[in-house]
Amino acid sequence: MKTLGIMIKRNIKLFFKDKGMFFTSLITPLILLVLYVSFLGNVYRDSFIMNMPDILLKNEEFVKVIDGLVASQLASSLLAVCCITVAFCSNMLMVQDKVNGAYQDLLIAPAKKTTLSLAYFISTFISTLIICMIAGGCCLGYMATVGWYMSVSDVFLLLLDIIILVTFGTVLSSIIGYFLTSQGQISAVGTIISSCYGFICGAYMPISSFSEGLQKVISFLPGTYGTALLRNHAMQGAFKELERLGLPKESIIDFKNGVDCNIYFFDKQVPVSTMFVILIGTVIALIMIYVLINLIKTKKSEKA
C-alpha cells in the first residue's frame, strides 16, 4: 500500500507539473464552453423557439426559462465530452513512461506491474475528476448567470453523473492506453477521441437528428446514456418551470425527445434509473477487463 500511495502521488505531481498537459486539459473545457456559447447557443435557442406561438415569446419570464434551458444543454454537452477526453489526456502519462523508459525503471524498483497499473488508474481518476469538477463549477456559474432552475438534488445528481463518467473515461483510457507504446499512437488516439466522441455520444448533435438506423446503433453505446443523464439533471428544473408557465406536456415531451433527455432503445423509452444501471454496469465490466488484462500480462511476464 505504501508503494501504491507513493506512485499515485508521483503520477499526480507529474501531471500537474507538466504545464503543457495540465493547461491543455484545464483550458480545453473552458475554450469549449466559450465556443459552445458563441456558436451553438443560437442554434439550440432557435430549435426551442422555432414553433412557439408569438404570445409566449412576448412573455419575458418564458424567454428567460428558454435561455436557462439552452445554458443547461450547453453545460451538459461540455461535461459529457470533457469527462472522457480529459481522462485520455491525463492518462497520457502512462504511455509517456513507456516511451521514455521510466516504466521499466519503475519495475526495477520494488514495484509490481499490477501496483503500477493501479497507481496509473487511480491517479488518472483523481486528476481528471479535479479538472472536470472545475469545469462543472464553471458550467454551473454560467447557468446561474443566464438562468438558474436547478434544485439541490439536481446539482448533486449532476456531480454524481460527472464522477461516474470520469470513472468510465478513466477505465476506457486505461484499457486503450495499455496497448499504446509510442508518441504517435498517443496523438492519433487523442485526436480520434477528441473529434469523434462528442458526435457518437450526442453532445454535439442530438441523437434524434440522426437517421433511424444510426440512432439504433448509438443506443448500444454507454456514452449515450451518460450524456442523457447529464441532460436530465441539468435541464429538469427548466422543463418543470416551462410546465408551470403553461406549456403543454406534449410540447415538453417533444423538447425532451429533441435534446436526448429521453433515449429510446428500439422504440422503448429508457428510464433514468436504467441509464444509471447501464453506465455503472459498463464501468464495472470495463474494470474487470482491465484487471484481467493486467493479470494475464503479469503471468506471461513471470513465465518468461
C-alpha atoms as a PDB file:
ATOM      1  CA  MET A   1       0.000   0.000   0.000  1.00  0.00           C
ATOM      2  CA  LYS A   2       2.866   2.367   0.756  1.00  0.00           C
ATOM      3  CA  THR A   3       4.334   1.825  -2.719  1.00  0.00           C
ATOM      4  CA  LEU A   4       0.906   2.366  -4.275  1.00  0.00           C
ATOM      5  CA  GLY A   5       0.462   5.654  -2.409  1.00  0.00           C
ATOM      6  CA  ILE A   6       3.898   6.870  -3.461  1.00  0.00           C
ATOM      7  CA  MET A   7       3.215   6.025  -7.111  1.00  0.00           C
ATOM      8  CA  ILE A   8      -0.176   7.771  -7.077  1.00  0.00           C
ATOM      9  CA  LYS A   9       1.374  10.938  -5.635  1.00  0.00           C
ATOM     10  CA  ARG A  10       4.205  10.737  -8.153  1.00  0.00           C
ATOM     11  CA  ASN A  11       1.813  10.457 -11.117  1.00  0.00           C
ATOM     12  CA  ILE A  12      -0.447  13.282  -9.955  1.00  0.00           C
ATOM     13  CA  LYS A  13       2.532  15.578  -9.330  1.00  0.00           C
ATOM     14  CA  LEU A  14       3.999  14.823 -12.761  1.00  0.00           C
ATOM     15  CA  PHE A  15       0.670  15.539 -14.418  1.00  0.00           C
ATOM     16  CA  PHE A  16       0.195  18.910 -12.750  1.00  0.00           C
ATOM     17  CA  LYS A  17       3.883  19.811 -13.199  1.00  0.00           C
ATOM     18  CA  ASP A  18       3.664  19.166 -16.932  1.00  0.00           C
ATOM     19  CA  LYS A  19       2.298  22.596 -17.861  1.00  0.00           C
ATOM     20  CA  GLY A  20       1.545  21.578 -21.417  1.00  0.00           C
ATOM     21  CA  MET A  21      -0.526  18.560 -20.426  1.00  0.00           C
ATOM     22  CA  PHE A  22      -2.186  20.256 -17.452  1.00  0.00           C
ATOM     23  CA  PHE A  23      -3.143  23.522 -19.157  1.00  0.00           C
ATOM     24  CA  THR A  24      -4.362  21.659 -22.235  1.00  0.00           C
ATOM     25  CA  SER A  25      -6.633  19.553 -20.020  1.00  0.00           C
ATOM     26  CA  LEU A  26      -7.823  22.552 -17.995  1.00  0.00           C
ATOM     27  CA  ILE A  27      -8.183  25.149 -20.734  1.00  0.00           C
ATOM     28  CA  THR A  28      -9.883  22.826 -23.252  1.00  0.00           C
ATOM     29  CA  PRO A  29     -13.184  22.655 -21.282  1.00  0.00           C
ATOM     30  CA  LEU A  30     -13.186  26.445 -20.837  1.00  0.00           C
ATOM     31  CA  ILE A  31     -12.473  27.014 -24.531  1.00  0.00           C
ATOM     32  CA  LEU A  32     -15.233  24.556 -25.413  1.00  0.00           C
ATOM     33  CA  LEU A  33     -17.642  26.431 -23.144  1.00  0.00           C
ATOM     34  CA  VAL A  34     -16.870  29.710 -24.935  1.00  0.00           C
ATOM     35  CA  LEU A  35     -17.200  28.039 -28.356  1.00  0.00           C
ATOM     36  CA  TYR A  36     -20.446  26.315 -27.377  1.00  0.00           C
ATOM     37  CA  VAL A  37     -21.936  29.582 -26.134  1.00  0.00           C
ATOM     38  CA  SER A  38     -20.736  31.507 -29.195  1.00  0.00           C
ATOM     39  CA  PHE A  39     -21.669  29.070 -31.958  1.00  0.00           C
ATOM     40  CA  LEU A  40     -24.155  26.522 -30.627  1.00  0.00           C
ATOM     41  CA  GLY A  41     -26.130  28.761 -28.268  1.00  0.00           C
ATOM     42  CA  ASN A  42     -28.201  30.406 -31.006  1.00  0.00           C
ATOM     43  CA  VAL A  43     -28.697  27.077 -32.787  1.00  0.00           C
ATOM     44  CA  TYR A  44     -30.057  25.457 -29.617  1.00  0.00           C
ATOM     45  CA  ARG A  45     -32.202  28.502 -28.847  1.00  0.00           C
ATOM     46  CA  ASP A  46     -33.724  28.553 -32.347  1.00  0.00           C
ATOM     47  CA  SER A  47     -34.588  24.859 -32.047  1.00  0.00           C
ATOM     48  CA  PHE A  48     -36.615  25.607 -28.914  1.00  0.00           C
ATOM     49  CA  ILE A  49     -38.490  28.699 -30.128  1.00  0.00           C
ATOM     50  CA  MET A  50     -38.974  27.599 -33.749  1.00  0.00           C
ATOM     51  CA  ASN A  51     -42.596  26.502 -33.352  1.00  0.00           C
ATOM     52  CA  MET A  52     -43.500  28.595 -30.318  1.00  0.00           C
ATOM     53  CA  PRO A  53     -46.549  30.882 -30.500  1.00  0.00           C
ATOM     54  CA  ASP A  54     -45.714  34.597 -30.546  1.00  0.00           C
ATOM     55  CA  ILE A  55     -47.728  35.207 -27.383  1.00  0.00           C
ATOM     56  CA  LEU A  56     -45.315  33.022 -25.390  1.00  0.00           C
ATOM     57  CA  LEU A  57     -42.237  34.652 -26.903  1.00  0.00           C
ATOM     58  CA  LYS A  58     -43.518  38.034 -25.686  1.00  0.00           C
ATOM     59  CA  ASN A  59     -43.501  36.700 -22.125  1.00  0.00           C
ATOM     60  CA  GLU A  60     -40.163  37.760 -20.589  1.00  0.00           C
ATOM     61  CA  GLU A  61     -40.316  35.043 -17.917  1.00  0.00           C
ATOM     62  CA  PHE A  62     -40.857  32.380 -20.571  1.00  0.00           C
ATOM     63  CA  VAL A  63     -37.965  33.666 -22.699  1.00  0.00           C
ATOM     64  CA  LYS A  64     -35.697  33.637 -19.629  1.00  0.00           C
ATOM     65  CA  VAL A  65     -36.545  29.972 -18.993  1.00  0.00           C
ATOM     66  CA  ILE A  66     -35.695  29.161 -22.622  1.00  0.00           C
ATOM     67  CA  ASP A  67     -32.318  30.861 -22.137  1.00  0.00           C
ATOM     68  CA  GLY A  68     -31.794  28.782 -18.994  1.00  0.00           C
ATOM     69  CA  LEU A  69     -32.722  25.652 -20.930  1.00  0.00           C
ATOM     70  CA  VAL A  70     -30.157  26.467 -23.621  1.00  0.00           C
ATOM     71  CA  ALA A  71     -27.478  27.104 -20.971  1.00  0.00           C
ATOM     72  CA  SER A  72     -28.265  23.749 -19.348  1.00  0.00           C
ATOM     73  CA  GLN A  73     -27.998  21.950 -22.683  1.00  0.00           C
ATOM     74  CA  LEU A  74     -24.665  23.615 -23.444  1.00  0.00           C
ATOM     75  CA  ALA A  75     -23.294  22.737 -19.984  1.00  0.00           C
ATOM     76  CA  SER A  76     -24.346  19.094 -20.223  1.00  0.00           C
ATOM     77  CA  SER A  77     -22.798  18.822 -23.712  1.00  0.00           C
ATOM     78  CA  LEU A  78     -19.499  20.217 -22.461  1.00  0.00           C
ATOM     79  CA  LEU A  79     -19.326  17.942 -19.423  1.00  0.00           C
ATOM     80  CA  ALA A  80     -20.283  14.858 -21.439  1.00  0.00           C
ATOM     81  CA  VAL A  81     -17.260  15.384 -23.697  1.00  0.00           C
ATOM     82  CA  CYS A  82     -14.742  16.599 -21.106  1.00  0.00           C
ATOM     83  CA  CYS A  83     -15.187  13.680 -18.701  1.00  0.00           C
ATOM     84  CA  ILE A  84     -13.878  11.371 -21.427  1.00  0.00           C
ATOM     85  CA  THR A  85     -11.382  13.489 -23.366  1.00  0.00           C
ATOM     86  CA  VAL A  86      -9.677  14.843 -20.234  1.00  0.00           C
ATOM     87  CA  ALA A  87      -9.296  11.273 -18.932  1.00  0.00           C
ATOM     88  CA  PHE A  88      -7.410  10.320 -22.095  1.00  0.00           C
ATOM     89  CA  CYS A  89      -5.229  13.402 -21.731  1.00  0.00           C
ATOM     90  CA  SER A  90      -4.498  12.616 -18.066  1.00  0.00           C
ATOM     91  CA  ASN A  91      -3.682   9.008 -18.877  1.00  0.00           C
ATOM     92  CA  MET A  92      -1.005  10.006 -21.397  1.00  0.00           C
ATOM     93  CA  LEU A  93       1.484   9.822 -18.529  1.00  0.00           C
ATOM     94  CA  MET A  94       1.251   6.029 -18.542  1.00  0.00           C
ATOM     95  CA  VAL A  95       2.151   5.871 -22.235  1.00  0.00           C
ATOM     96  CA  GLN A  96       4.846   8.528 -21.915  1.00  0.00           C
ATOM     97  CA  ASP A  97       6.502   6.475 -19.168  1.00  0.00           C
ATOM     98  CA  LYS A  98       6.675   3.561 -21.603  1.00  0.00           C
ATOM     99  CA  VAL A  99       8.091   5.752 -24.362  1.00  0.00           C
ATOM    100  CA  ASN A 100      10.838   7.419 -22.295  1.00  0.00           C
ATOM    101  CA  GLY A 101      11.746   4.231 -20.398  1.00  0.00           C
ATOM    102  CA  ALA A 102      10.513   5.415 -16.982  1.00  0.00           C
ATOM    103  CA  TYR A 103       8.129   2.442 -16.765  1.00  0.00           C
ATOM    104  CA  GLN A 104      10.991  -0.053 -16.973  1.00  0.00           C
ATOM    105  CA  ASP A 105      12.956   1.940 -14.397  1.00  0.00           C
ATOM    106  CA  LEU A 106       9.993   1.754 -12.018  1.00  0.00           C
ATOM    107  CA  LEU A 107       9.857  -2.018 -12.444  1.00  0.00           C
ATOM    108  CA  ILE A 108      13.468  -2.258 -11.277  1.00  0.00           C
ATOM    109  CA  ALA A 109      12.343  -0.626  -8.007  1.00  0.00           C
ATOM    110  CA  PRO A 110      10.261  -2.808  -5.643  1.00  0.00           C
ATOM    111  CA  ALA A 111       7.007  -2.189  -7.530  1.00  0.00           C
ATOM    112  CA  LYS A 112       4.844  -4.837  -9.175  1.00  0.00           C
ATOM    113  CA  LYS A 113       3.240  -4.333 -12.566  1.00  0.00           C
ATOM    114  CA  THR A 114      -0.213  -4.609 -11.001  1.00  0.00           C
ATOM    115  CA  THR A 115       0.697  -1.905  -8.489  1.00  0.00           C
ATOM    116  CA  LEU A 116       1.882   0.410 -11.262  1.00  0.00           C
ATOM    117  CA  SER A 117      -1.292  -0.195 -13.288  1.00  0.00           C
ATOM    118  CA  LEU A 118      -3.490   0.516 -10.268  1.00  0.00           C
ATOM    119  CA  ALA A 119      -1.490   3.669  -9.489  1.00  0.00           C
ATOM    120  CA  TYR A 120      -1.899   4.955 -13.051  1.00  0.00           C
ATOM    121  CA  PHE A 121      -5.646   4.239 -12.869  1.00  0.00           C
ATOM    122  CA  ILE A 122      -6.245   5.987  -9.532  1.00  0.00           C
ATOM    123  CA  SER A 123      -4.044   8.986 -10.341  1.00  0.00           C
ATOM    124  CA  THR A 124      -5.763   9.436 -13.717  1.00  0.00           C
ATOM    125  CA  PHE A 125      -9.156   9.314 -11.999  1.00  0.00           C
ATOM    126  CA  ILE A 126      -8.132  11.919  -9.395  1.00  0.00           C
ATOM    127  CA  SER A 127      -6.523  14.295 -11.915  1.00  0.00           C
ATOM    128  CA  THR A 128      -9.467  14.023 -14.314  1.00  0.00           C
ATOM    129  CA  LEU A 129     -12.016  14.469 -11.542  1.00  0.00           C
ATOM    130  CA  ILE A 130     -10.308  17.653 -10.318  1.00  0.00           C
ATOM    131  CA  ILE A 131     -10.374  19.221 -13.781  1.00  0.00           C
ATOM    132  CA  CYS A 132     -13.937  18.081 -14.561  1.00  0.00           C
ATOM    133  CA  MET A 133     -15.201  19.394 -11.237  1.00  0.00           C
ATOM    134  CA  ILE A 134     -13.605  22.760 -12.046  1.00  0.00           C
ATOM    135  CA  ALA A 135     -15.305  22.629 -15.457  1.00  0.00           C
ATOM    136  CA  GLY A 136     -18.565  21.670 -13.743  1.00  0.00           C
ATOM    137  CA  GLY A 137     -18.239  24.660 -11.416  1.00  0.00           C
ATOM    138  CA  CYS A 138     -17.716  26.964 -14.405  1.00  0.00           C
ATOM    139  CA  CYS A 139     -20.791  25.484 -16.108  1.00  0.00           C
ATOM    140  CA  LEU A 140     -22.927  25.950 -13.002  1.00  0.00           C
ATOM    141  CA  GLY A 141     -21.683  29.528 -12.736  1.00  0.00           C
ATOM    142  CA  TYR A 142     -22.643  30.168 -16.357  1.00  0.00           C
ATOM    143  CA  MET A 143     -26.084  28.621 -15.801  1.00  0.00           C
ATOM    144  CA  ALA A 144     -26.608  30.790 -12.695  1.00  0.00           C
ATOM    145  CA  THR A 145     -25.792  33.889 -14.753  1.00  0.00           C
ATOM    146  CA  VAL A 146     -28.150  33.027 -17.618  1.00  0.00           C
ATOM    147  CA  GLY A 147     -30.987  31.470 -15.619  1.00  0.00           C
ATOM    148  CA  TRP A 148     -30.892  29.087 -12.646  1.00  0.00           C
ATOM    149  CA  TYR A 149     -33.623  26.448 -12.323  1.00  0.00           C
ATOM    150  CA  MET A 150     -31.761  23.502 -10.759  1.00  0.00           C
ATOM    151  CA  SER A 151     -32.680  22.136  -7.342  1.00  0.00           C
ATOM    152  CA  VAL A 152     -30.133  20.992  -4.758  1.00  0.00           C
ATOM    153  CA  SER A 153     -30.829  17.356  -5.656  1.00  0.00           C
ATOM    154  CA  ASP A 154     -30.295  18.143  -9.359  1.00  0.00           C
ATOM    155  CA  VAL A 155     -26.860  19.604  -8.565  1.00  0.00           C
ATOM    156  CA  PHE A 156     -25.831  16.559  -6.509  1.00  0.00           C
ATOM    157  CA  LEU A 157     -27.077  14.192  -9.205  1.00  0.00           C
ATOM    158  CA  LEU A 158     -25.153  16.180 -11.827  1.00  0.00           C
ATOM    159  CA  LEU A 159     -21.990  15.836  -9.749  1.00  0.00           C
ATOM    160  CA  LEU A 160     -22.687  12.100  -9.409  1.00  0.00           C
ATOM    161  CA  ASP A 161     -23.002  11.879 -13.203  1.00  0.00           C
ATOM    162  CA  ILE A 162     -19.604  13.556 -13.544  1.00  0.00           C
ATOM    163  CA  ILE A 163     -17.995  11.078 -11.115  1.00  0.00           C
ATOM    164  CA  ILE A 164     -19.454   8.072 -12.964  1.00  0.00           C
ATOM    165  CA  LEU A 165     -18.455   9.434 -16.381  1.00  0.00           C
ATOM    166  CA  VAL A 166     -14.939  10.263 -15.159  1.00  0.00           C
ATOM    167  CA  THR A 167     -14.638   6.662 -13.937  1.00  0.00           C
ATOM    168  CA  PHE A 168     -15.881   5.453 -17.322  1.00  0.00           C
ATOM    169  CA  GLY A 169     -13.385   7.677 -19.134  1.00  0.00           C
ATOM    170  CA  THR A 170     -10.552   6.591 -16.829  1.00  0.00           C
ATOM    171  CA  VAL A 171     -11.035   2.869 -17.285  1.00  0.00           C
ATOM    172  CA  LEU A 172     -11.649   3.233 -21.043  1.00  0.00           C
ATOM    173  CA  SER A 173      -8.464   5.270 -21.488  1.00  0.00           C
ATOM    174  CA  SER A 174      -6.559   2.819 -19.266  1.00  0.00           C
ATOM    175  CA  ILE A 175      -7.543  -0.158 -21.407  1.00  0.00           C
ATOM    176  CA  ILE A 176      -6.690   1.600 -24.680  1.00  0.00           C
ATOM    177  CA  GLY A 177      -3.544   3.216 -23.262  1.00  0.00           C
ATOM    178  CA  TYR A 178      -2.273  -0.150 -22.023  1.00  0.00           C
ATOM    179  CA  PHE A 179      -1.619  -1.196 -25.626  1.00  0.00           C
ATOM    180  CA  LEU A 180      -0.039   2.088 -26.783  1.00  0.00           C
ATOM    181  CA  THR A 181       3.732   2.261 -26.963  1.00  0.00           C
ATOM    182  CA  SER A 182       4.654   5.371 -28.967  1.00  0.00           C
ATOM    183  CA  GLN A 183       4.097   9.134 -29.029  1.00  0.00           C
ATOM    184  CA  GLY A 184       2.486   8.854 -32.464  1.00  0.00           C
ATOM    185  CA  GLN A 185      -0.077   6.401 -31.155  1.00  0.00           C
ATOM    186  CA  ILE A 186      -0.888   8.765 -28.277  1.00  0.00           C
ATOM    187  CA  SER A 187      -1.502  11.655 -30.668  1.00  0.00           C
ATOM    188  CA  ALA A 188      -3.602   9.513 -33.025  1.00  0.00           C
ATOM    189  CA  VAL A 189      -5.848   8.156 -30.286  1.00  0.00           C
ATOM    190  CA  GLY A 190      -6.200  11.583 -28.674  1.00  0.00           C
ATOM    191  CA  THR A 191      -7.221  13.136 -31.997  1.00  0.00           C
ATOM    192  CA  ILE A 192      -9.761  10.414 -32.756  1.00  0.00           C
ATOM    193  CA  ILE A 193     -11.349  10.586 -29.300  1.00  0.00           C
ATOM    194  CA  SER A 194     -11.483  14.401 -29.264  1.00  0.00           C
ATOM    195  CA  SER A 195     -13.038  14.655 -32.724  1.00  0.00           C
ATOM    196  CA  CYS A 196     -15.414  11.685 -32.685  1.00  0.00           C
ATOM    197  CA  TYR A 197     -16.648  11.107 -29.148  1.00  0.00           C
ATOM    198  CA  GLY A 198     -18.780  14.264 -28.988  1.00  0.00           C
ATOM    199  CA  PHE A 199     -20.746  13.110 -32.029  1.00  0.00           C
ATOM    200  CA  ILE A 200     -21.322   9.483 -31.056  1.00  0.00           C
ATOM    201  CA  CYS A 201     -22.435  10.375 -27.515  1.00  0.00           C
ATOM    202  CA  GLY A 202     -24.906  13.024 -28.706  1.00  0.00           C
ATOM    203  CA  ALA A 203     -23.088  16.003 -27.175  1.00  0.00           C
ATOM    204  CA  TYR A 204     -22.507  17.987 -30.388  1.00  0.00           C
ATOM    205  CA  MET A 205     -25.670  16.989 -32.232  1.00  0.00           C
ATOM    206  CA  PRO A 206     -28.794  15.441 -30.672  1.00  0.00           C
ATOM    207  CA  ILE A 207     -29.135  11.765 -31.480  1.00  0.00           C
ATOM    208  CA  SER A 208     -32.716  12.459 -32.546  1.00  0.00           C
ATOM    209  CA  SER A 209     -31.327  14.359 -35.564  1.00  0.00           C
ATOM    210  CA  PHE A 210     -29.530  11.238 -36.868  1.00  0.00           C
ATOM    211  CA  SER A 211     -31.031   8.620 -39.152  1.00  0.00           C
ATOM    212  CA  GLU A 212     -33.133   5.894 -37.565  1.00  0.00           C
ATOM    213  CA  GLY A 213     -30.516   3.228 -38.231  1.00  0.00           C
ATOM    214  CA  LEU A 214     -27.721   5.289 -36.707  1.00  0.00           C
ATOM    215  CA  GLN A 215     -29.898   6.067 -33.681  1.00  0.00           C
ATOM    216  CA  LYS A 216     -30.289   2.341 -33.035  1.00  0.00           C
ATOM    217  CA  VAL A 217     -26.532   1.791 -33.307  1.00  0.00           C
ATOM    218  CA  ILE A 218     -25.746   4.667 -30.950  1.00  0.00           C
ATOM    219  CA  SER A 219     -28.310   3.374 -28.441  1.00  0.00           C
ATOM    220  CA  PHE A 220     -25.898   0.488 -27.756  1.00  0.00           C
ATOM    221  CA  LEU A 221     -23.100   2.861 -26.686  1.00  0.00           C
ATOM    222  CA  PRO A 222     -22.839   3.591 -22.931  1.00  0.00           C
ATOM    223  CA  GLY A 223     -21.638   7.164 -23.516  1.00  0.00           C
ATOM    224  CA  THR A 224     -25.076   7.955 -24.945  1.00  0.00           C
ATOM    225  CA  TYR A 225     -26.675   7.278 -21.570  1.00  0.00           C
ATOM    226  CA  GLY A 226     -24.026   9.342 -19.780  1.00  0.00           C
ATOM    227  CA  THR A 227     -24.951  12.355 -21.912  1.00  0.00           C
ATOM    228  CA  ALA A 228     -28.661  11.693 -21.335  1.00  0.00           C
ATOM    229  CA  LEU A 229     -28.151  11.595 -17.550  1.00  0.00           C
ATOM    230  CA  LEU A 230     -26.341  14.953 -17.623  1.00  0.00           C
ATOM    231  CA  ARG A 231     -29.098  16.379 -19.830  1.00  0.00           C
ATOM    232  CA  ASN A 232     -31.859  15.206 -17.491  1.00  0.00           C
ATOM    233  CA  HIS A 233     -30.289  16.526 -14.314  1.00  0.00           C
ATOM    234  CA  ALA A 234     -29.161  19.837 -15.843  1.00  0.00           C
ATOM    235  CA  MET A 235     -32.421  20.588 -17.694  1.00  0.00           C
ATOM    236  CA  GLN A 236     -35.073  19.046 -15.448  1.00  0.00           C
ATOM    237  CA  GLY A 237     -35.688  22.217 -13.424  1.00  0.00           C
ATOM    238  CA  ALA A 238     -36.141  24.374 -16.534  1.00  0.00           C
ATOM    239  CA  PHE A 239     -38.629  21.886 -18.009  1.00  0.00           C
ATOM    240  CA  LYS A 240     -40.635  21.955 -14.772  1.00  0.00           C
ATOM    241  CA  GLU A 241     -40.677  25.752 -14.937  1.00  0.00           C
ATOM    242  CA  LEU A 242     -41.955  25.641 -18.530  1.00  0.00           C
ATOM    243  CA  GLU A 243     -44.730  23.316 -17.414  1.00  0.00           C
ATOM    244  CA  ARG A 244     -45.614  25.716 -14.597  1.00  0.00           C
ATOM    245  CA  LEU A 245     -45.823  28.554 -17.112  1.00  0.00           C
ATOM    246  CA  GLY A 246     -48.432  26.617 -19.056  1.00  0.00           C
ATOM    247  CA  LEU A 247     -46.501  24.879 -21.836  1.00  0.00           C
ATOM    248  CA  PRO A 248     -48.401  21.684 -22.788  1.00  0.00           C
ATOM    249  CA  LYS A 249     -46.896  18.381 -21.622  1.00  0.00           C
ATOM    250  CA  GLU A 250     -46.852  17.157 -25.209  1.00  0.00           C
ATOM    251  CA  SER A 251     -44.553  20.033 -26.171  1.00  0.00           C
ATOM    252  CA  ILE A 252     -42.271  19.337 -23.214  1.00  0.00           C
ATOM    253  CA  ILE A 253     -42.046  15.666 -24.206  1.00  0.00           C
ATOM    254  CA  ASP A 254     -41.165  16.756 -27.756  1.00  0.00           C
ATOM    255  CA  PHE A 255     -38.443  19.015 -26.327  1.00  0.00           C
ATOM    256  CA  LYS A 256     -37.052  16.183 -24.201  1.00  0.00           C
ATOM    257  CA  ASN A 257     -37.018  13.875 -27.203  1.00  0.00           C
ATOM    258  CA  GLY A 258     -35.285  16.530 -29.276  1.00  0.00           C
ATOM    259  CA  VAL A 259     -32.441  17.136 -26.799  1.00  0.00           C
ATOM    260  CA  ASP A 260     -31.954  13.460 -25.841  1.00  0.00           C
ATOM    261  CA  CYS A 261     -33.316  13.697 -22.308  1.00  0.00           C
ATOM    262  CA  ASN A 262     -35.492  10.821 -23.468  1.00  0.00           C
ATOM    263  CA  ILE A 263     -33.498   7.978 -25.006  1.00  0.00           C
ATOM    264  CA  TYR A 264     -35.235   5.173 -26.894  1.00  0.00           C
ATOM    265  CA  PHE A 265     -33.880   1.674 -27.323  1.00  0.00           C
ATOM    266  CA  PHE A 266     -35.716   0.194 -30.304  1.00  0.00           C
ATOM    267  CA  ASP A 267     -38.750   2.455 -29.721  1.00  0.00           C
ATOM    268  CA  LYS A 268     -38.848   1.778 -25.963  1.00  0.00           C
ATOM    269  CA  GLN A 269     -38.028   4.705 -23.696  1.00  0.00           C
ATOM    270  CA  VAL A 270     -35.125   4.053 -21.312  1.00  0.00           C
ATOM    271  CA  PRO A 271     -35.862   5.254 -17.728  1.00  0.00           C
ATOM    272  CA  VAL A 272     -33.254   7.369 -15.927  1.00  0.00           C
ATOM    273  CA  SER A 273     -32.721   4.561 -13.377  1.00  0.00           C
ATOM    274  CA  THR A 274     -31.899   2.158 -16.219  1.00  0.00           C
ATOM    275  CA  MET A 275     -29.433   4.689 -17.658  1.00  0.00           C
ATOM    276  CA  PHE A 276     -27.593   4.604 -14.323  1.00  0.00           C
ATOM    277  CA  VAL A 277     -27.589   0.796 -14.360  1.00  0.00           C
ATOM    278  CA  ILE A 278     -26.245   0.663 -17.932  1.00  0.00           C
ATOM    279  CA  LEU A 279     -23.452   3.172 -17.270  1.00  0.00           C
ATOM    280  CA  ILE A 280     -22.397   1.729 -13.906  1.00  0.00           C
ATOM    281  CA  GLY A 281     -22.624  -1.832 -15.283  1.00  0.00           C
ATOM    282  CA  THR A 282     -20.382  -0.831 -18.201  1.00  0.00           C
ATOM    283  CA  VAL A 283     -17.846   0.722 -15.813  1.00  0.00           C
ATOM    284  CA  ILE A 284     -17.743  -2.451 -13.689  1.00  0.00           C
ATOM    285  CA  ALA A 285     -17.362  -4.644 -16.795  1.00  0.00           C
ATOM    286  CA  LEU A 286     -14.520  -2.477 -18.145  1.00  0.00           C
ATOM    287  CA  ILE A 287     -12.748  -2.519 -14.766  1.00  0.00           C
ATOM    288  CA  MET A 288     -12.920  -6.330 -14.780  1.00  0.00           C
ATOM    289  CA  ILE A 289     -11.475  -6.361 -18.309  1.00  0.00           C
ATOM    290  CA  TYR A 290      -8.662  -4.021 -17.239  1.00  0.00           C
ATOM    291  CA  VAL A 291      -7.853  -6.215 -14.239  1.00  0.00           C
ATOM    292  CA  LEU A 292      -7.915  -9.345 -16.416  1.00  0.00           C
ATOM    293  CA  ILE A 293      -5.573  -7.764 -18.983  1.00  0.00           C
ATOM    294  CA  ASN A 294      -3.085  -6.890 -16.252  1.00  0.00           C
ATOM    295  CA  LEU A 295      -3.254 -10.345 -14.650  1.00  0.00           C
ATOM    296  CA  ILE A 296      -2.689 -12.101 -17.988  1.00  0.00           C
ATOM    297  CA  LYS A 297       0.224  -9.808 -18.839  1.00  0.00           C
ATOM    298  CA  THR A 298       1.770 -10.327 -15.396  1.00  0.00           C
ATOM    299  CA  LYS A 299       1.539 -14.117 -15.655  1.00  0.00           C
ATOM    300  CA  LYS A 300       3.151 -14.074 -19.101  1.00  0.00           C
ATOM    301  CA  SER A 301       5.998 -11.940 -17.768  1.00  0.00           C
ATOM    302  CA  GLU A 302       6.555 -14.311 -14.837  1.00  0.00           C
ATOM    303  CA  LYS A 303       6.703 -17.338 -17.176  1.00  0.00           C
ATOM    304  CA  ALA A 304       9.161 -15.542 -19.439  1.00  0.00           C
END
